[in-house]
Amino acid sequence: MDQRLSLVTLGVSDMDRARDFYTALGWQPGPSPEHIVFFQTGGMVVALWDRQALAVDSGIDIEDDTEDTPGSGDGWGGKVLGLNVASAADVDEQFASAVSAGAEVLRVPCSRFWGGYSGVFTDPDGHVWEIAYNPYWSFSEDGATLLGDGRG
C-alpha cells in the first residue's frame, strides 16, 4: 500500500458548528459537494461530514453494543483515514495488499454514489481506512492530493 495519507474525514454532529469552528481558525473551505466540507490542507484534504452518514458509508454500526464489527460501537472515534489513488484498478490493488496484510474488510471496493470507486477496511486496532479513486481530484508530482471542482 502507498505510504501516503490523502484525506482525513471527521464525523461531526453539527455541520454548521464544525464549519464555523474551522473557518474561525482561518481555514478556507474548498469546492465541496452538498452536505460535506473539504479543506485543502497542504498536500492533503480534511473533510467534515455528518457522523452518522460517515458511519453508514464506512460500514460501521455505531449502534452495535456488541461491537462485533471492527471500529463499531461507542469505540468508533468518528474519523476515517483515506488514501486516494489514480484509478479504480489501483484501489483494487492497494485494497488487496491491505487485506493480505491482515486488514478486516468493512466495505469491498465498489462504485460510489459520488462518482468514484472505493473500499473500506480496518487495521488490527480498528482504525478505519478508505482507499478511493475520485475522478474529480488530482495529484501533484510529489503525491499531494488536490481538491477538484466540488463534485466528489
N, C-alpha and C. Protein backbone atom coordinates (compact mmCIF):
# COMPACT_ATOMS: atom_id res chain seq x y z
N MET A 1 0.85 -1.18 0.00
CA MET A 1 0.00 0.00 0.00
C MET A 1 0.89 1.24 0.00
N ASP A 2 0.49 2.27 -0.72
CA ASP A 2 1.25 3.52 -0.75
C ASP A 2 1.41 4.06 0.66
N GLN A 3 2.59 4.54 0.99
CA GLN A 3 2.84 5.16 2.30
C GLN A 3 2.52 6.64 2.18
N ARG A 4 1.21 6.92 2.22
CA ARG A 4 0.74 8.28 2.00
C ARG A 4 -0.63 8.42 2.60
N LEU A 5 -0.93 9.58 3.14
CA LEU A 5 -2.26 9.89 3.65
C LEU A 5 -2.83 11.03 2.81
N SER A 6 -4.01 10.81 2.21
CA SER A 6 -4.62 11.80 1.33
C SER A 6 -5.71 12.60 2.00
N LEU A 7 -6.46 11.94 2.89
CA LEU A 7 -7.69 12.52 3.39
C LEU A 7 -7.96 12.06 4.82
N VAL A 8 -8.39 12.97 5.67
CA VAL A 8 -8.93 12.65 6.98
C VAL A 8 -10.35 13.19 7.00
N THR A 9 -11.32 12.29 7.20
CA THR A 9 -12.72 12.70 7.28
C THR A 9 -13.16 12.65 8.73
N LEU A 10 -13.63 13.77 9.23
CA LEU A 10 -14.11 13.87 10.60
C LEU A 10 -15.63 13.82 10.61
N GLY A 11 -16.18 12.87 11.35
CA GLY A 11 -17.63 12.78 11.50
C GLY A 11 -18.07 13.78 12.55
N VAL A 12 -18.93 14.70 12.16
CA VAL A 12 -19.34 15.79 13.06
C VAL A 12 -20.84 15.70 13.38
N SER A 13 -21.20 16.17 14.57
CA SER A 13 -22.60 16.11 14.99
C SER A 13 -23.39 17.33 14.53
N ASP A 14 -22.70 18.43 14.24
CA ASP A 14 -23.36 19.67 13.81
C ASP A 14 -22.48 20.32 12.75
N MET A 15 -22.87 20.17 11.48
CA MET A 15 -22.05 20.65 10.38
C MET A 15 -21.80 22.15 10.44
N ASP A 16 -22.83 22.94 10.71
CA ASP A 16 -22.64 24.39 10.76
C ASP A 16 -21.65 24.78 11.84
N ARG A 17 -21.79 24.17 13.02
CA ARG A 17 -20.87 24.48 14.12
C ARG A 17 -19.45 24.09 13.76
N ALA A 18 -19.27 22.91 13.17
CA ALA A 18 -17.93 22.44 12.80
C ALA A 18 -17.30 23.34 11.73
N ARG A 19 -18.08 23.66 10.68
CA ARG A 19 -17.56 24.53 9.62
C ARG A 19 -17.18 25.90 10.20
N ASP A 20 -18.05 26.44 11.05
CA ASP A 20 -17.77 27.75 11.66
C ASP A 20 -16.50 27.71 12.50
N PHE A 21 -16.30 26.61 13.23
CA PHE A 21 -15.09 26.47 14.04
C PHE A 21 -13.84 26.52 13.17
N TYR A 22 -13.81 25.69 12.11
CA TYR A 22 -12.61 25.63 11.27
C TYR A 22 -12.39 26.92 10.49
N THR A 23 -13.46 27.57 10.05
CA THR A 23 -13.26 28.86 9.36
C THR A 23 -12.80 29.93 10.35
N ALA A 24 -13.22 29.84 11.63
CA ALA A 24 -12.74 30.78 12.65
C ALA A 24 -11.24 30.58 12.90
N LEU A 25 -10.75 29.36 12.65
CA LEU A 25 -9.32 29.10 12.78
C LEU A 25 -8.54 29.70 11.60
N GLY A 26 -9.28 30.15 10.58
CA GLY A 26 -8.63 30.71 9.41
C GLY A 26 -8.60 29.77 8.21
N TRP A 27 -9.19 28.57 8.34
CA TRP A 27 -9.22 27.62 7.24
C TRP A 27 -10.29 28.06 6.25
N GLN A 28 -9.99 27.93 4.97
CA GLN A 28 -10.93 28.30 3.91
C GLN A 28 -11.48 27.04 3.24
N PRO A 29 -12.82 26.88 3.24
CA PRO A 29 -13.39 25.71 2.55
C PRO A 29 -13.06 25.74 1.07
N GLY A 30 -12.82 24.55 0.52
CA GLY A 30 -12.59 24.42 -0.91
C GLY A 30 -13.87 23.99 -1.59
N PRO A 31 -13.82 23.79 -2.90
CA PRO A 31 -15.01 23.30 -3.61
C PRO A 31 -15.48 21.99 -2.98
N SER A 32 -16.76 21.94 -2.64
CA SER A 32 -17.31 20.78 -1.93
C SER A 32 -18.72 20.48 -2.42
N PRO A 33 -19.07 19.17 -2.49
CA PRO A 33 -20.46 18.86 -2.80
C PRO A 33 -21.34 19.20 -1.59
N GLU A 34 -22.63 19.16 -1.79
CA GLU A 34 -23.57 19.44 -0.72
C GLU A 34 -23.38 18.45 0.44
N HIS A 35 -23.54 18.90 1.67
CA HIS A 35 -23.52 18.07 2.88
C HIS A 35 -22.13 17.62 3.32
N ILE A 36 -21.07 18.14 2.70
CA ILE A 36 -19.71 17.84 3.15
C ILE A 36 -18.88 19.09 2.91
N VAL A 37 -17.88 19.30 3.75
CA VAL A 37 -17.00 20.45 3.58
C VAL A 37 -15.58 19.93 3.46
N PHE A 38 -14.88 20.33 2.39
CA PHE A 38 -13.48 19.97 2.17
C PHE A 38 -12.60 21.17 2.44
N PHE A 39 -11.46 20.92 3.10
CA PHE A 39 -10.43 21.93 3.29
C PHE A 39 -9.14 21.39 2.70
N GLN A 40 -8.53 22.15 1.77
CA GLN A 40 -7.21 21.79 1.25
C GLN A 40 -6.21 22.14 2.34
N THR A 41 -5.46 21.16 2.82
CA THR A 41 -4.51 21.38 3.91
C THR A 41 -3.14 20.94 3.45
N GLY A 42 -2.44 21.82 2.76
CA GLY A 42 -1.16 21.43 2.19
C GLY A 42 -1.39 20.36 1.15
N GLY A 43 -0.71 19.24 1.28
CA GLY A 43 -0.80 18.16 0.31
C GLY A 43 -1.88 17.14 0.60
N MET A 44 -2.77 17.44 1.54
CA MET A 44 -3.86 16.52 1.82
C MET A 44 -5.15 17.29 2.06
N VAL A 45 -6.23 16.58 2.32
CA VAL A 45 -7.54 17.18 2.47
C VAL A 45 -8.13 16.75 3.82
N VAL A 46 -8.79 17.68 4.50
CA VAL A 46 -9.58 17.38 5.69
C VAL A 46 -11.03 17.62 5.31
N ALA A 47 -11.89 16.64 5.63
CA ALA A 47 -13.32 16.74 5.30
C ALA A 47 -14.14 16.71 6.58
N LEU A 48 -15.24 17.45 6.57
CA LEU A 48 -16.25 17.39 7.63
C LEU A 48 -17.50 16.79 7.02
N TRP A 49 -18.05 15.76 7.70
CA TRP A 49 -19.24 15.09 7.20
C TRP A 49 -20.07 14.65 8.39
N ASP A 50 -21.35 14.59 8.23
CA ASP A 50 -22.24 14.13 9.29
C ASP A 50 -21.75 12.79 9.83
N ARG A 51 -21.61 12.69 11.15
CA ARG A 51 -21.06 11.50 11.79
C ARG A 51 -21.84 10.23 11.43
N GLN A 52 -23.17 10.30 11.47
CA GLN A 52 -23.98 9.12 11.15
C GLN A 52 -23.80 8.72 9.70
N ALA A 53 -23.79 9.69 8.79
CA ALA A 53 -23.61 9.40 7.36
C ALA A 53 -22.24 8.78 7.11
N LEU A 54 -21.22 9.28 7.79
CA LEU A 54 -19.87 8.72 7.64
C LEU A 54 -19.83 7.27 8.12
N ALA A 55 -20.49 7.00 9.24
CA ALA A 55 -20.52 5.64 9.77
C ALA A 55 -21.21 4.70 8.79
N VAL A 56 -22.37 5.09 8.29
CA VAL A 56 -23.11 4.24 7.35
C VAL A 56 -22.28 4.00 6.09
N ASP A 57 -21.68 5.05 5.54
CA ASP A 57 -20.89 4.94 4.33
C ASP A 57 -19.68 4.02 4.52
N SER A 58 -19.16 3.98 5.74
CA SER A 58 -17.96 3.20 6.02
C SER A 58 -18.26 1.78 6.47
N GLY A 59 -19.53 1.43 6.62
CA GLY A 59 -19.89 0.08 7.06
C GLY A 59 -19.78 -0.11 8.55
N ILE A 60 -19.90 0.98 9.30
CA ILE A 60 -19.77 0.94 10.75
C ILE A 60 -21.14 1.07 11.38
N ASP A 61 -21.44 0.20 12.35
CA ASP A 61 -22.70 0.25 13.07
C ASP A 61 -22.44 0.87 14.43
N ILE A 62 -22.65 2.18 14.54
CA ILE A 62 -22.35 2.85 15.81
C ILE A 62 -23.38 2.54 16.89
N GLU A 63 -24.45 1.83 16.51
CA GLU A 63 -25.46 1.40 17.49
C GLU A 63 -25.18 -0.02 17.99
N ASP A 64 -24.13 -0.66 17.48
CA ASP A 64 -23.82 -2.06 17.81
C ASP A 64 -23.19 -2.15 19.20
N ASP A 65 -23.98 -2.57 20.18
CA ASP A 65 -23.48 -2.69 21.55
C ASP A 65 -22.46 -3.81 21.71
N THR A 66 -22.51 -4.82 20.83
CA THR A 66 -21.58 -5.94 20.96
C THR A 66 -20.25 -5.63 20.31
N GLU A 67 -20.22 -4.62 19.45
CA GLU A 67 -19.01 -4.21 18.75
C GLU A 67 -18.37 -5.38 18.00
N ASP A 68 -19.21 -6.24 17.40
CA ASP A 68 -18.68 -7.36 16.62
C ASP A 68 -17.98 -6.90 15.34
N THR A 69 -18.39 -5.76 14.82
CA THR A 69 -17.76 -5.21 13.63
C THR A 69 -16.61 -4.32 14.06
N PRO A 70 -15.40 -4.55 13.54
CA PRO A 70 -14.27 -3.70 13.94
C PRO A 70 -14.61 -2.23 13.73
N GLY A 71 -14.23 -1.41 14.67
CA GLY A 71 -14.48 0.02 14.57
C GLY A 71 -15.87 0.44 14.96
N SER A 72 -16.78 -0.50 15.27
CA SER A 72 -18.17 -0.17 15.56
C SER A 72 -18.38 0.16 17.03
N GLY A 73 -19.60 0.55 17.35
CA GLY A 73 -19.98 0.85 18.72
C GLY A 73 -19.43 2.16 19.23
N ASP A 74 -19.49 2.33 20.55
CA ASP A 74 -19.04 3.58 21.16
C ASP A 74 -17.55 3.83 20.94
N GLY A 75 -16.79 2.79 20.66
CA GLY A 75 -15.35 2.94 20.49
C GLY A 75 -14.95 3.64 19.21
N TRP A 76 -15.90 3.76 18.26
CA TRP A 76 -15.54 4.39 16.99
C TRP A 76 -15.27 5.87 17.22
N GLY A 77 -14.13 6.33 16.77
CA GLY A 77 -13.71 7.71 17.01
C GLY A 77 -14.32 8.74 16.09
N GLY A 78 -15.14 8.34 15.13
CA GLY A 78 -15.77 9.32 14.25
C GLY A 78 -14.84 9.87 13.20
N LYS A 79 -13.85 9.09 12.80
CA LYS A 79 -12.93 9.56 11.75
C LYS A 79 -12.55 8.40 10.84
N VAL A 80 -12.24 8.73 9.61
CA VAL A 80 -11.79 7.76 8.63
C VAL A 80 -10.57 8.35 7.94
N LEU A 81 -9.51 7.56 7.86
CA LEU A 81 -8.29 7.95 7.14
C LEU A 81 -8.43 7.50 5.70
N GLY A 82 -7.97 8.31 4.77
CA GLY A 82 -8.15 7.98 3.37
C GLY A 82 -6.87 8.00 2.57
N LEU A 83 -6.79 7.08 1.63
CA LEU A 83 -5.72 7.06 0.64
C LEU A 83 -6.38 7.16 -0.72
N ASN A 84 -6.13 8.25 -1.43
CA ASN A 84 -6.66 8.43 -2.77
C ASN A 84 -5.61 7.98 -3.77
N VAL A 85 -6.06 7.25 -4.78
CA VAL A 85 -5.19 6.70 -5.81
C VAL A 85 -5.70 7.11 -7.18
N ALA A 86 -4.93 6.78 -8.22
CA ALA A 86 -5.18 7.31 -9.56
C ALA A 86 -6.21 6.56 -10.38
N SER A 87 -6.66 5.38 -9.94
CA SER A 87 -7.63 4.63 -10.75
C SER A 87 -8.36 3.61 -9.88
N ALA A 88 -9.48 3.10 -10.42
CA ALA A 88 -10.21 2.04 -9.72
C ALA A 88 -9.35 0.79 -9.60
N ALA A 89 -8.55 0.50 -10.62
CA ALA A 89 -7.66 -0.67 -10.56
C ALA A 89 -6.65 -0.51 -9.43
N ASP A 90 -6.17 0.72 -9.22
CA ASP A 90 -5.25 0.97 -8.11
C ASP A 90 -5.93 0.74 -6.76
N VAL A 91 -7.23 1.08 -6.66
CA VAL A 91 -7.98 0.81 -5.43
C VAL A 91 -7.96 -0.69 -5.16
N ASP A 92 -8.31 -1.48 -6.18
CA ASP A 92 -8.35 -2.93 -6.01
C ASP A 92 -6.99 -3.48 -5.59
N GLU A 93 -5.93 -3.00 -6.22
CA GLU A 93 -4.57 -3.47 -5.92
C GLU A 93 -4.17 -3.12 -4.48
N GLN A 94 -4.37 -1.85 -4.10
CA GLN A 94 -4.00 -1.40 -2.76
C GLN A 94 -4.86 -2.09 -1.70
N PHE A 95 -6.14 -2.27 -2.00
CA PHE A 95 -7.06 -2.93 -1.06
C PHE A 95 -6.63 -4.38 -0.84
N ALA A 96 -6.28 -5.07 -1.91
CA ALA A 96 -5.82 -6.46 -1.81
C ALA A 96 -4.56 -6.54 -0.95
N SER A 97 -3.68 -5.57 -1.08
CA SER A 97 -2.46 -5.54 -0.25
C SER A 97 -2.81 -5.39 1.22
N ALA A 98 -3.78 -4.53 1.51
CA ALA A 98 -4.20 -4.32 2.91
C ALA A 98 -4.81 -5.59 3.47
N VAL A 99 -5.66 -6.25 2.70
CA VAL A 99 -6.30 -7.49 3.16
C VAL A 99 -5.23 -8.57 3.39
N SER A 100 -4.27 -8.66 2.48
CA SER A 100 -3.18 -9.63 2.63
C SER A 100 -2.37 -9.38 3.89
N ALA A 101 -2.29 -8.12 4.27
CA ALA A 101 -1.53 -7.75 5.47
C ALA A 101 -2.32 -7.97 6.75
N GLY A 102 -3.61 -8.31 6.63
CA GLY A 102 -4.42 -8.59 7.81
C GLY A 102 -5.56 -7.63 8.07
N ALA A 103 -5.84 -6.73 7.12
CA ALA A 103 -6.95 -5.79 7.29
C ALA A 103 -8.27 -6.55 7.31
N GLU A 104 -9.24 -6.02 8.04
CA GLU A 104 -10.58 -6.59 8.07
C GLU A 104 -11.49 -5.72 7.20
N VAL A 105 -12.18 -6.33 6.26
CA VAL A 105 -12.99 -5.62 5.27
C VAL A 105 -14.30 -5.14 5.91
N LEU A 106 -14.59 -3.83 5.75
CA LEU A 106 -15.89 -3.27 6.14
C LEU A 106 -16.78 -3.09 4.92
N ARG A 107 -16.20 -2.65 3.81
CA ARG A 107 -16.93 -2.49 2.55
C ARG A 107 -15.98 -2.80 1.41
N VAL A 108 -16.29 -3.81 0.61
CA VAL A 108 -15.44 -4.17 -0.52
C VAL A 108 -15.44 -3.01 -1.53
N PRO A 109 -14.38 -2.85 -2.29
CA PRO A 109 -14.35 -1.79 -3.29
C PRO A 109 -15.52 -1.90 -4.27
N CYS A 110 -16.14 -0.75 -4.51
CA CYS A 110 -17.28 -0.70 -5.44
C CYS A 110 -17.47 0.74 -5.92
N SER A 111 -18.29 0.89 -6.95
CA SER A 111 -18.65 2.23 -7.45
C SER A 111 -19.45 2.95 -6.38
N ARG A 112 -19.23 4.26 -6.27
CA ARG A 112 -19.84 5.04 -5.21
C ARG A 112 -20.81 6.08 -5.78
N PHE A 113 -21.77 6.50 -4.97
CA PHE A 113 -22.79 7.45 -5.38
C PHE A 113 -22.22 8.79 -5.84
N TRP A 114 -21.03 9.14 -5.39
CA TRP A 114 -20.44 10.44 -5.73
C TRP A 114 -19.60 10.39 -7.00
N GLY A 115 -19.57 9.23 -7.67
CA GLY A 115 -18.90 9.14 -8.96
C GLY A 115 -17.55 8.46 -8.94
N GLY A 116 -17.10 8.05 -7.79
CA GLY A 116 -15.81 7.39 -7.69
C GLY A 116 -15.93 5.91 -7.39
N TYR A 117 -14.87 5.37 -6.80
CA TYR A 117 -14.77 3.93 -6.52
C TYR A 117 -13.95 3.80 -5.25
N SER A 118 -14.43 3.03 -4.26
CA SER A 118 -13.66 2.91 -3.03
C SER A 118 -14.04 1.68 -2.23
N GLY A 119 -13.18 1.34 -1.29
CA GLY A 119 -13.40 0.26 -0.34
C GLY A 119 -12.92 0.70 1.03
N VAL A 120 -13.45 0.06 2.09
CA VAL A 120 -13.14 0.47 3.46
C VAL A 120 -12.71 -0.76 4.26
N PHE A 121 -11.68 -0.60 5.09
CA PHE A 121 -11.20 -1.67 5.94
C PHE A 121 -10.72 -1.09 7.27
N THR A 122 -10.47 -1.99 8.23
CA THR A 122 -9.85 -1.58 9.48
C THR A 122 -8.49 -2.25 9.62
N ASP A 123 -7.60 -1.55 10.32
CA ASP A 123 -6.33 -2.15 10.67
C ASP A 123 -6.54 -3.04 11.90
N PRO A 124 -5.52 -3.73 12.40
CA PRO A 124 -5.73 -4.64 13.53
C PRO A 124 -6.25 -3.99 14.81
N ASP A 125 -6.09 -2.66 14.94
CA ASP A 125 -6.58 -1.96 16.13
C ASP A 125 -7.94 -1.30 15.90
N GLY A 126 -8.55 -1.53 14.74
CA GLY A 126 -9.88 -0.99 14.47
C GLY A 126 -9.89 0.39 13.84
N HIS A 127 -8.71 0.93 13.47
CA HIS A 127 -8.68 2.23 12.80
C HIS A 127 -9.22 2.05 11.38
N VAL A 128 -10.14 2.92 10.99
CA VAL A 128 -10.85 2.78 9.71
C VAL A 128 -10.11 3.53 8.61
N TRP A 129 -9.92 2.84 7.49
CA TRP A 129 -9.26 3.39 6.29
C TRP A 129 -10.18 3.21 5.08
N GLU A 130 -10.14 4.20 4.20
CA GLU A 130 -10.81 4.08 2.90
C GLU A 130 -9.75 4.27 1.82
N ILE A 131 -9.75 3.41 0.84
CA ILE A 131 -8.92 3.59 -0.35
C ILE A 131 -9.87 3.97 -1.46
N ALA A 132 -9.60 5.11 -2.12
CA ALA A 132 -10.57 5.65 -3.07
C ALA A 132 -9.92 6.18 -4.33
N TYR A 133 -10.67 6.05 -5.41
CA TYR A 133 -10.37 6.76 -6.65
C TYR A 133 -11.47 7.80 -6.81
N ASN A 134 -11.09 9.07 -6.86
CA ASN A 134 -12.02 10.17 -7.07
C ASN A 134 -11.67 10.83 -8.40
N PRO A 135 -12.48 10.65 -9.43
CA PRO A 135 -12.13 11.19 -10.75
C PRO A 135 -12.09 12.71 -10.81
N TYR A 136 -12.57 13.38 -9.76
CA TYR A 136 -12.61 14.84 -9.75
C TYR A 136 -11.40 15.45 -9.05
N TRP A 137 -10.60 14.64 -8.39
CA TRP A 137 -9.41 15.13 -7.70
C TRP A 137 -8.17 14.74 -8.49
N SER A 138 -7.05 15.41 -8.19
CA SER A 138 -5.81 15.10 -8.90
C SER A 138 -4.66 15.05 -7.89
N PHE A 139 -3.47 14.74 -8.41
CA PHE A 139 -2.26 14.62 -7.58
C PHE A 139 -1.15 15.46 -8.20
N SER A 140 -0.33 16.05 -7.34
CA SER A 140 0.84 16.75 -7.83
C SER A 140 1.97 15.73 -8.04
N GLU A 141 3.09 16.17 -8.62
CA GLU A 141 4.21 15.27 -8.86
C GLU A 141 4.73 14.65 -7.58
N ASP A 142 4.64 15.38 -6.47
CA ASP A 142 5.16 14.85 -5.20
C ASP A 142 4.13 14.03 -4.43
N GLY A 143 2.96 13.76 -5.04
CA GLY A 143 1.96 12.91 -4.42
C GLY A 143 0.90 13.63 -3.61
N ALA A 144 0.93 14.96 -3.59
CA ALA A 144 -0.08 15.72 -2.85
C ALA A 144 -1.44 15.52 -3.49
N THR A 145 -2.47 15.39 -2.68
CA THR A 145 -3.85 15.26 -3.15
C THR A 145 -4.46 16.66 -3.28
N LEU A 146 -5.07 16.93 -4.43
CA LEU A 146 -5.60 18.26 -4.72
C LEU A 146 -7.10 18.18 -4.98
N LEU A 147 -7.85 19.04 -4.29
CA LEU A 147 -9.30 19.11 -4.48
C LEU A 147 -9.64 19.43 -5.93
N GLY A 148 -10.77 18.92 -6.36
CA GLY A 148 -11.25 19.21 -7.71
C GLY A 148 -12.26 20.34 -7.69
N ASP A 149 -13.32 20.18 -8.48
CA ASP A 149 -14.29 21.25 -8.68
C ASP A 149 -15.49 21.15 -7.76
N GLY A 150 -15.47 20.25 -6.79
CA GLY A 150 -16.56 20.16 -5.82
C GLY A 150 -17.58 19.08 -6.12
N ARG A 151 -17.36 18.26 -7.16
CA ARG A 151 -18.34 17.23 -7.50
C ARG A 151 -18.17 15.95 -6.70
N GLY A 152 -17.05 15.70 -6.12
CA GLY A 152 -16.87 14.41 -5.45
C GLY A 152 -16.04 14.49 -4.21
